[in-house]
Amino acid sequence: FTANAGAQFHSIATSGGINGVIHGEKAGFSEATTDTQAMIDNPNINTIAIVTRHNSHAYFVQEALKAGKNVFVEKPLAISHEELSEVEAVYHEAIKAESAPKLMVGFNRRFSPQVQKMKQLLEPIKEPKSFIMTMNAGAIPADHWTQDINVGGGRVVGEACHFIDLMRYLAGSEIVSVQARRMGDTDSVEITEDKAGIILGFADGSFGTIHYLANGAANFPKERIEVFAAGGTLQLDNFIKLKGFGWKGFKKLNLWKQDKGQNACSAAFIESIKQGKPAPIPADELFEVAKVTIDIATQLRMQK
């Protein structure tokens, strides 16, 4: 969520004391505070961006919505079904107001220029599509906060949700089935949940696999997306090179540098506020993806 996307920064609230003030000044905020609730209640602020640790997202989303503020929250929206249910209830109550607040999760990959091109190419195809998405996530120490189920929610909840949302977007259809398998328990590997395969089924007959792997080579592409549909294939590598194989009228769309859509994601949300339009991602899709992601993490943790 950046000033480059058209945001006017007002206040930053952190628990970091003087460090928060220094960071806020550098980032262009007018004020810095440790009183988060006062900032949320400030009538001069219409939008709250939540970039805290994952276990606080659901709480701050609820507080901001109750205050009638638009909310941009970095993924995940929640790390448990209980949290998600609470957020949903507060959201549906909040949108009854005359000036209903908007809710947005930072699923930026939807907004990358190459994914937008893929969506355009897939739109006319009515038959089901097949997806293969590979995330070469890289290892993170077992004691990192993102690996803590109660703080970060684990890496599937905290990171793989990006690809669950991306597949949902490209399929353009509701997720109706979920299967997941992680690496088996072994004394030689401390964390196994971040080495997993996920299969999603969609209402229109489409299906796809997500390979979320933290045990690969650092020089292998970090993110690869492949779509098979109607005799053609699209392949996107690292949000730099997009190729079409057997795709009538399309061969490639390459960028000079990687663009995962961060600025476009923020800009789309800000523009929806300025123009009084619906949020860029429908709320029911945000809740759907959050629920499916938590379901997947639960399946992996129950695996024998």
Protein backbone atom coordinates (compact mmCIF):
# COMPACT_ATOMS: atom_id res chain seq x y z
CA PHE A 1 0.00 0.00 0.00
CA THR A 2 2.06 2.95 -1.28
CA ALA A 3 1.92 6.65 -1.99
CA ASN A 4 2.78 5.73 -5.59
CA ALA A 5 -0.66 4.17 -5.82
CA GLY A 6 -2.32 7.48 -4.92
CA ALA A 7 -2.70 7.16 -1.15
CA GLN A 8 -2.35 10.22 1.09
CA PHE A 9 -0.68 9.06 4.30
CA HIS A 10 -2.04 10.51 7.53
CA SER A 11 -1.04 8.48 10.60
CA ILE A 12 1.01 5.40 11.37
CA ALA A 13 0.41 3.41 14.55
CA THR A 14 3.10 1.03 15.78
CA SER A 15 4.24 -0.50 19.04
CA GLY A 16 7.80 0.56 18.20
CA GLY A 17 7.85 3.92 19.97
CA ILE A 18 10.54 6.21 18.54
CA ASN A 19 11.29 3.70 15.77
CA GLY A 20 7.72 4.06 14.58
CA VAL A 21 8.08 7.84 14.48
CA ILE A 22 11.27 7.61 12.44
CA HIS A 23 9.77 5.11 10.02
CA GLY A 24 6.60 7.16 9.70
CA GLU A 25 8.50 10.32 8.83
CA LYS A 26 10.55 8.52 6.20
CA ALA A 27 7.42 7.01 4.65
CA GLY A 28 5.64 10.37 4.50
CA PHE A 29 3.12 10.07 7.34
CA SER A 30 1.95 13.29 9.01
CA GLU A 31 1.67 11.67 12.44
CA ALA A 32 3.00 8.66 14.34
CA THR A 33 1.36 7.14 17.38
CA THR A 34 1.22 4.05 19.59
CA ASP A 35 -2.52 4.56 20.21
CA THR A 36 -3.96 2.37 17.48
CA GLN A 37 -7.58 2.74 18.55
CA ALA A 38 -7.37 6.53 18.51
CA MET A 39 -6.00 6.37 14.98
CA ILE A 40 -8.81 4.04 13.86
CA ASP A 41 -11.40 6.39 15.40
CA ASN A 42 -9.84 9.54 13.87
CA PRO A 43 -12.57 11.21 11.73
CA ASN A 44 -9.91 12.60 9.38
CA ILE A 45 -8.96 9.09 8.27
CA ASN A 46 -11.21 7.16 5.89
CA THR A 47 -9.06 4.09 5.21
CA ILE A 48 -6.97 1.79 7.41
CA ALA A 49 -4.12 -0.33 6.02
CA ILE A 50 -3.24 -3.30 8.22
CA VAL A 51 0.30 -4.63 7.83
CA THR A 52 0.81 -6.23 11.25
CA ARG A 53 1.60 -9.83 12.17
CA HIS A 54 -1.01 -12.26 10.92
CA ASN A 55 -2.64 -13.13 14.24
CA SER A 56 -3.76 -9.50 14.68
CA HIS A 57 -5.29 -9.03 11.20
CA ALA A 58 -8.79 -10.24 12.03
CA TYR A 59 -8.99 -8.09 15.17
CA PHE A 60 -7.88 -4.88 13.46
CA VAL A 61 -10.11 -5.53 10.44
CA GLN A 62 -13.11 -5.77 12.76
CA GLU A 63 -12.20 -2.64 14.70
CA ALA A 64 -11.72 -0.63 11.50
CA LEU A 65 -14.99 -1.87 9.98
CA LYS A 66 -16.88 -1.07 13.19
CA ALA A 67 -15.48 2.48 12.91
CA GLY A 68 -16.85 2.68 9.36
CA LYS A 69 -13.40 2.74 7.76
CA ASN A 70 -12.36 1.21 4.46
CA VAL A 71 -9.88 -1.58 5.12
CA PHE A 72 -6.86 -2.78 3.15
CA VAL A 73 -5.31 -5.76 4.92
CA GLU A 74 -2.26 -7.69 3.87
CA LYS A 75 -2.96 -11.39 3.57
CA PRO A 76 -4.20 -13.41 5.37
CA LEU A 77 -7.59 -12.05 6.32
CA ALA A 78 -7.74 -14.46 9.27
CA ILE A 79 -5.79 -17.48 10.52
CA SER A 80 -8.67 -19.56 11.91
CA HIS A 81 -12.30 -20.31 11.08
CA GLU A 82 -13.38 -18.62 14.32
CA GLU A 83 -11.61 -15.40 13.37
CA LEU A 84 -13.00 -15.54 9.84
CA SER A 85 -16.58 -15.99 11.08
CA GLU A 86 -16.20 -12.97 13.33
CA VAL A 87 -14.83 -10.84 10.48
CA GLU A 88 -17.66 -11.91 8.18
CA ALA A 89 -20.29 -11.03 10.77
CA VAL A 90 -18.80 -7.60 11.41
CA TYR A 91 -18.43 -6.91 7.68
CA HIS A 92 -22.06 -7.78 6.86
CA GLU A 93 -23.22 -5.54 9.71
CA ALA A 94 -20.94 -2.69 8.62
CA ILE A 95 -22.13 -2.65 5.00
CA LYS A 96 -25.67 -1.96 6.15
CA ALA A 97 -24.56 1.62 6.83
CA GLU A 98 -25.31 4.36 4.32
CA SER A 99 -21.60 4.87 3.60
CA ALA A 100 -20.69 1.17 3.62
CA PRO A 101 -16.95 0.57 4.09
CA LYS A 102 -14.94 -1.47 1.59
CA LEU A 103 -12.80 -4.48 2.45
CA MET A 104 -9.72 -5.45 0.45
CA VAL A 105 -7.02 -8.09 0.91
CA GLY A 106 -3.65 -7.50 -0.73
CA PHE A 107 -3.89 -10.25 -3.33
CA ASN A 108 -1.70 -8.28 -5.69
CA ARG A 109 -0.92 -11.06 -8.17
CA ARG A 110 -4.41 -10.69 -9.67
CA PHE A 111 -3.40 -7.19 -10.73
CA SER A 112 -0.05 -7.93 -12.38
CA PRO A 113 -0.08 -6.95 -16.08
CA GLN A 114 0.64 -10.48 -17.27
CA VAL A 115 -2.10 -12.06 -15.14
CA GLN A 116 -4.48 -9.44 -16.48
CA LYS A 117 -3.47 -10.52 -20.00
CA MET A 118 -4.01 -14.18 -19.08
CA LYS A 119 -7.46 -13.36 -17.74
CA GLN A 120 -8.28 -11.56 -20.98
CA LEU A 121 -7.14 -14.54 -23.06
CA LEU A 122 -9.06 -17.04 -20.92
CA GLU A 123 -12.30 -15.05 -20.74
CA PRO A 124 -13.80 -16.24 -24.08
CA ILE A 125 -13.08 -19.93 -23.32
CA LYS A 126 -16.15 -21.65 -21.96
CA GLU A 127 -14.75 -25.14 -21.41
CA PRO A 128 -13.05 -26.08 -18.12
CA LYS A 129 -9.42 -25.12 -17.61
CA SER A 130 -6.50 -26.91 -15.96
CA PHE A 131 -3.89 -25.13 -13.85
CA ILE A 132 -0.45 -25.96 -12.53
CA MET A 133 1.06 -23.44 -10.15
CA THR A 134 4.47 -23.90 -8.57
CA MET A 135 5.78 -21.75 -5.74
CA ASN A 136 9.46 -22.35 -5.00
CA ALA A 137 9.06 -20.65 -1.65
CA GLY A 138 12.49 -21.20 -0.14
CA ALA A 139 13.24 -22.26 3.40
CA ILE A 140 12.38 -20.16 6.46
CA PRO A 141 13.72 -21.18 9.90
CA ALA A 142 11.33 -23.18 12.06
CA ASP A 143 11.51 -20.52 14.79
CA HIS A 144 10.44 -17.67 12.45
CA TRP A 145 7.13 -16.10 13.50
CA THR A 146 5.45 -16.99 10.18
CA GLN A 147 5.94 -20.70 10.99
CA ASP A 148 4.17 -20.32 14.34
CA ILE A 149 0.58 -21.51 13.78
CA ASN A 150 -0.72 -19.17 16.49
CA VAL A 151 1.11 -16.06 15.23
CA GLY A 152 1.77 -16.41 11.50
CA GLY A 153 -0.73 -19.16 10.81
CA GLY A 154 1.89 -21.19 8.98
CA ARG A 155 3.13 -20.59 5.46
CA VAL A 156 0.11 -22.08 3.67
CA VAL A 157 -2.22 -19.64 5.43
CA GLY A 158 0.27 -16.78 5.20
CA GLU A 159 1.65 -17.23 1.68
CA ALA A 160 0.05 -20.02 -0.37
CA CYS A 161 -3.22 -18.09 -0.09
CA HIS A 162 -1.84 -15.86 -2.87
CA PHE A 163 -1.99 -18.76 -5.32
CA ILE A 164 -5.34 -20.05 -4.08
CA ASP A 165 -6.75 -16.60 -4.80
CA LEU A 166 -4.95 -16.38 -8.13
CA MET A 167 -6.34 -19.72 -9.31
CA ARG A 168 -9.81 -18.69 -8.14
CA TYR A 169 -9.47 -15.49 -10.18
CA LEU A 170 -8.24 -17.16 -13.37
CA ALA A 171 -10.83 -19.94 -13.14
CA GLY A 172 -13.59 -17.39 -12.59
CA SER A 173 -15.62 -20.03 -10.79
CA GLU A 174 -16.39 -21.04 -7.20
CA ILE A 175 -14.09 -23.50 -5.43
CA VAL A 176 -16.11 -26.66 -4.69
CA SER A 177 -13.49 -29.21 -3.59
CA VAL A 178 -10.15 -29.22 -1.77
CA GLN A 179 -7.50 -31.91 -1.37
CA ALA A 180 -4.06 -31.45 0.16
CA ARG A 181 -0.99 -33.52 1.00
CA ARG A 182 2.21 -32.45 2.73
CA MET A 183 5.57 -34.11 3.14
CA GLY A 184 5.32 -36.96 5.62
CA ASP A 185 6.66 -36.59 9.14
CA THR A 186 10.35 -37.34 9.38
CA ASP A 187 13.12 -36.78 11.88
CA SER A 188 15.26 -35.20 9.16
CA VAL A 189 12.90 -32.29 8.38
CA GLU A 190 11.62 -29.99 11.15
CA ILE A 191 8.82 -28.29 9.19
CA THR A 192 6.82 -30.35 6.67
CA GLU A 193 3.71 -28.18 6.18
CA ASP A 194 5.57 -25.85 3.79
CA LYS A 195 6.22 -28.71 1.37
CA ALA A 196 2.75 -29.50 0.11
CA GLY A 197 0.53 -30.20 -2.87
CA ILE A 198 -2.97 -28.75 -3.14
CA ILE A 199 -5.72 -29.74 -5.61
CA LEU A 200 -8.66 -27.40 -6.12
CA GLY A 201 -11.85 -28.22 -8.01
CA PHE A 202 -14.17 -25.54 -9.40
CA ALA A 203 -17.90 -25.37 -10.07
CA ASP A 204 -17.39 -25.09 -13.84
CA GLY A 205 -15.34 -28.31 -14.01
CA SER A 206 -11.94 -26.61 -13.95
CA PHE A 207 -9.26 -27.96 -11.61
CA GLY A 208 -5.72 -27.12 -10.66
CA THR A 209 -2.73 -28.07 -8.54
CA ILE A 210 -0.60 -25.81 -6.39
CA HIS A 211 2.87 -27.03 -5.47
CA TYR A 212 4.07 -25.02 -2.48
CA LEU A 213 7.64 -26.12 -1.86
CA ALA A 214 10.24 -24.78 0.55
CA ASN A 215 12.89 -27.35 -0.31
CA GLY A 216 13.95 -26.33 -3.83
CA ALA A 217 16.94 -24.58 -5.37
CA ALA A 218 17.26 -20.83 -4.89
CA ASN A 219 18.16 -20.34 -8.58
CA PHE A 220 15.02 -22.12 -9.84
CA PRO A 221 12.14 -19.76 -10.76
CA LYS A 222 10.25 -18.65 -7.65
CA GLU A 223 6.78 -18.68 -9.18
CA ARG A 224 5.49 -20.45 -12.28
CA ILE A 225 1.90 -20.49 -13.52
CA GLU A 226 0.66 -22.75 -16.32
CA VAL A 227 -2.84 -22.89 -17.80
CA PHE A 228 -4.06 -25.56 -20.21
CA ALA A 229 -7.29 -24.78 -22.05
CA ALA A 230 -8.94 -25.48 -25.42
CA GLY A 231 -5.78 -26.81 -27.05
CA GLY A 232 -3.56 -23.96 -25.89
CA THR A 233 -1.16 -23.37 -23.01
CA LEU A 234 -0.09 -20.22 -21.19
CA GLN A 235 3.08 -20.19 -19.09
CA LEU A 236 4.14 -17.35 -16.80
CA ASP A 237 7.59 -17.41 -15.21
CA ASN A 238 8.40 -15.18 -12.26
CA PHE A 239 6.03 -12.44 -13.45
CA ILE A 240 8.57 -11.52 -16.13
CA LYS A 241 8.01 -13.88 -19.08
CA LEU A 242 4.58 -14.90 -20.35
CA LYS A 243 4.43 -17.32 -23.29
CA GLY A 244 1.56 -18.72 -25.32
CA PHE A 245 1.84 -22.21 -26.86
CA GLY A 246 -0.68 -23.00 -29.58
CA TRP A 247 -2.58 -19.90 -28.56
CA LYS A 248 -4.12 -18.24 -31.59
CA GLY A 249 -3.14 -14.58 -31.80
CA PHE A 250 -0.80 -14.62 -28.80
CA LYS A 251 2.86 -15.65 -28.46
CA LYS A 252 4.43 -13.71 -25.59
CA LEU A 253 4.32 -10.74 -23.24
CA ASN A 254 7.66 -10.12 -21.53
CA LEU A 255 8.55 -7.37 -19.07
CA TRP A 256 11.87 -5.64 -18.43
CA LYS A 257 11.49 -6.25 -14.71
CA GLN A 258 9.25 -8.26 -12.43
CA ASP A 259 5.81 -6.84 -11.71
CA LYS A 260 3.63 -8.75 -9.23
CA GLY A 261 0.95 -6.06 -9.29
CA GLN A 262 1.56 -4.44 -5.88
CA ASN A 263 1.07 -0.87 -7.07
CA ALA A 264 -1.84 -1.78 -9.35
CA CYS A 265 -3.56 -3.61 -6.49
CA SER A 266 -3.33 -0.63 -4.16
CA ALA A 267 -4.26 1.82 -6.94
CA ALA A 268 -7.38 -0.18 -7.84
CA PHE A 269 -8.57 -0.10 -4.23
CA ILE A 270 -7.89 3.61 -3.83
CA GLU A 271 -9.66 4.35 -7.11
CA SER A 272 -12.72 2.38 -5.97
CA ILE A 273 -12.89 4.62 -2.89
CA LYS A 274 -12.49 7.82 -4.88
CA GLN A 275 -15.07 6.80 -7.48
CA GLY A 276 -17.51 5.20 -5.06
CA LYS A 277 -17.28 1.89 -6.90
CA PRO A 278 -17.29 -1.65 -5.47
CA ALA A 279 -14.00 -2.95 -4.07
CA PRO A 280 -11.81 -4.58 -6.76
CA ILE A 281 -12.22 -8.07 -5.27
CA PRO A 282 -15.77 -9.07 -4.26
CA ALA A 283 -16.02 -9.69 -0.52
CA ASP A 284 -17.56 -13.13 -1.02
CA GLU A 285 -14.42 -14.18 -2.91
CA LEU A 286 -12.21 -12.88 -0.10
CA PHE A 287 -14.16 -14.95 2.43
CA GLU A 288 -14.22 -17.97 0.11
CA VAL A 289 -10.45 -17.95 -0.40
CA ALA A 290 -9.81 -17.42 3.32
CA LYS A 291 -12.06 -20.35 4.25
CA VAL A 292 -10.51 -22.66 1.65
CA THR A 293 -6.99 -21.71 2.75
CA ILE A 294 -7.74 -22.49 6.39
CA ASP A 295 -9.42 -25.76 5.32
CA ILE A 296 -6.24 -26.73 3.46
CA ALA A 297 -3.99 -25.94 6.42
CA THR A 298 -6.29 -27.98 8.65
CA GLN A 299 -6.14 -30.96 6.27
CA LEU A 300 -2.35 -30.81 6.21
CA ARG A 301 -2.08 -30.69 10.01
CA MET A 302 -4.44 -33.66 10.42
CA GLN A 303 -2.46 -35.76 7.96
CA LYS A 304 -1.18 -39.04 9.36
